[in-house]
Protein backbone atom coordinates (compact mmCIF):
# COMPACT_ATOMS: atom_id res chain seq x y z
CA MET A 1 8.10 -125.15 -121.79
CA ALA A 2 8.18 -123.55 -125.23
CA PRO A 3 11.14 -121.32 -126.17
CA SER A 4 10.82 -117.56 -126.26
CA SER A 5 9.58 -115.91 -129.40
CA SER A 6 11.96 -115.82 -132.32
CA GLY A 7 12.53 -112.14 -131.54
CA GLY A 8 14.22 -113.03 -128.27
CA THR A 9 16.78 -115.40 -129.72
CA THR A 10 17.34 -113.21 -132.77
CA THR A 11 17.92 -110.09 -130.70
CA GLY A 12 20.17 -112.00 -128.31
CA GLU A 13 22.28 -113.33 -131.15
CA ALA A 14 22.56 -109.91 -132.82
CA LEU A 15 23.69 -108.36 -129.52
CA ASN A 16 26.30 -111.10 -129.07
CA ILE A 17 27.59 -110.36 -132.56
CA LEU A 18 27.75 -106.63 -131.85
CA ASP A 19 29.44 -107.22 -128.50
CA THR A 20 32.67 -108.05 -130.32
CA PHE A 21 32.92 -104.54 -131.77
CA ASP A 22 33.60 -101.14 -130.19
CA LEU A 23 30.54 -99.39 -131.59
CA SER A 24 31.06 -96.28 -129.49
CA GLY A 25 34.45 -95.79 -131.12
CA MET A 26 32.97 -95.92 -134.63
CA SER A 27 31.38 -93.26 -136.74
CA ARG A 28 27.58 -93.31 -136.81
CA THR A 29 27.73 -94.79 -140.30
CA GLY A 30 30.13 -97.51 -139.18
CA ALA A 31 28.03 -98.44 -136.16
CA LEU A 32 24.86 -98.60 -138.27
CA HIS A 33 26.66 -100.75 -140.84
CA HIS A 34 27.69 -103.23 -138.14
CA TYR A 35 24.17 -103.21 -136.64
CA LEU A 36 22.57 -103.97 -140.00
CA GLU A 37 25.06 -106.72 -140.82
CA ALA A 38 24.63 -108.33 -137.38
CA SER A 39 20.86 -108.22 -137.83
CA ALA A 40 21.09 -109.87 -141.25
CA LEU A 41 23.21 -112.69 -139.83
CA ALA A 42 20.86 -113.22 -136.88
CA PHE A 43 17.76 -113.25 -139.09
CA ALA A 44 19.38 -115.80 -141.42
CA ASP A 45 19.91 -118.08 -138.42
CA ARG A 46 16.36 -117.45 -137.22
CA GLY A 47 15.02 -118.52 -140.59
CA LYS A 48 16.89 -121.81 -140.48
CA TYR A 49 16.79 -122.81 -136.81
CA VAL A 50 13.79 -121.21 -135.09
CA GLY A 51 10.33 -122.67 -135.51
CA ASP A 52 7.58 -124.49 -133.70
CA PRO A 53 9.21 -126.73 -131.07
CA ALA A 54 6.43 -129.28 -131.58
CA PHE A 55 7.91 -130.04 -135.00
CA GLY A 56 11.65 -129.76 -134.38
CA ASP A 57 14.49 -128.79 -132.09
CA VAL A 58 14.93 -125.05 -131.50
CA PRO A 59 18.61 -124.53 -130.51
CA ALA A 60 17.98 -121.33 -128.51
CA ALA A 61 21.01 -121.89 -126.25
CA ALA A 62 23.32 -122.39 -129.24
CA LEU A 63 21.98 -119.32 -131.07
CA THR A 64 22.46 -117.09 -128.04
CA ASP A 65 25.88 -118.52 -127.11
CA PRO A 66 28.47 -115.68 -127.05
CA LEU A 67 30.96 -117.93 -128.88
CA PHE A 68 28.49 -118.35 -131.74
CA GLY A 69 28.11 -114.55 -131.83
CA LYS A 70 31.88 -114.16 -132.11
CA GLU A 71 32.01 -116.64 -134.96
CA ARG A 72 29.25 -114.84 -136.83
CA ALA A 73 30.95 -111.47 -136.19
CA CYS A 74 33.93 -112.71 -138.21
CA LEU A 75 31.75 -112.51 -141.31
CA ILE A 76 31.20 -108.76 -141.03
CA ASP A 77 33.40 -106.79 -143.39
CA PRO A 78 33.79 -103.28 -142.00
CA LEU A 79 34.08 -101.84 -145.51
CA ASP A 80 31.40 -103.66 -147.48
CA ALA A 81 27.90 -104.95 -146.93
CA ALA A 82 27.42 -108.66 -147.47
CA THR A 83 25.30 -109.80 -150.37
CA LYS A 84 21.82 -110.50 -149.04
CA PRO A 85 20.38 -112.83 -148.08
CA VAL A 86 23.31 -114.13 -146.04
CA ALA A 87 23.70 -117.83 -145.34
CA PRO A 88 22.74 -119.17 -141.93
CA GLY A 89 25.52 -120.29 -139.63
CA THR A 90 26.28 -123.70 -138.24
CA ARG A 91 26.33 -124.70 -134.59
CA PRO A 92 29.12 -123.06 -132.52
CA ARG A 93 32.61 -124.50 -132.75
CA THR A 94 35.40 -124.21 -130.20
CA THR A 95 37.23 -121.25 -131.72
CA ALA A 96 36.24 -117.83 -132.95
CA CYS A 97 37.83 -115.98 -135.86
CA ALA A 98 41.59 -115.87 -136.05
CA ARG A 99 41.74 -112.09 -136.36
CA PRO A 100 39.94 -110.12 -133.65
CA PRO A 101 37.48 -107.53 -134.98
CA SER A 102 39.39 -104.72 -133.24
CA ARG A 103 42.33 -105.32 -135.59
CA ARG A 104 40.33 -105.05 -138.76
CA ARG A 105 40.48 -102.14 -141.14
CA PRO A 106 38.51 -99.08 -140.08
CA THR A 107 35.16 -98.45 -141.71
CA ARG A 108 35.23 -96.13 -144.71
CA ARG A 109 32.77 -93.29 -144.88
CA THR A 110 31.93 -93.78 -148.55
CA PRO A 111 30.67 -97.04 -150.11
CA ARG A 112 32.51 -98.82 -152.85
CA THR A 113 30.85 -98.24 -156.17
CA SER A 114 32.17 -101.47 -157.68
CA ARG A 115 29.94 -103.57 -155.39
CA ARG A 116 26.68 -101.91 -156.41
CA PRO A 117 24.37 -103.82 -158.76
CA THR A 118 24.07 -102.51 -162.29
């Protein structure tokens, strides 16, 4: 049986990434920032790993593994957007990030001007 559409694995991965954060405790701007960053990470993985199963392995179980979501969540900086496009991840390892997302710095309400392109 063929895997689900790429939207299914991508959405599942993004939700696993977001599951590590307390979005309801964030400002609207902070929650949207985390949503957009999680989506960018999931779409990077989709671009590398999801394709026609007749021509290669589609690691749907690995992409939707909650541990993989936790690992990818470690890449989200609550203060700055990552430079796009982001790099795809590797297959899940046995540990997540050393610092839980709940102990990270709170999201600022204003963006840093030093990170903007000139």
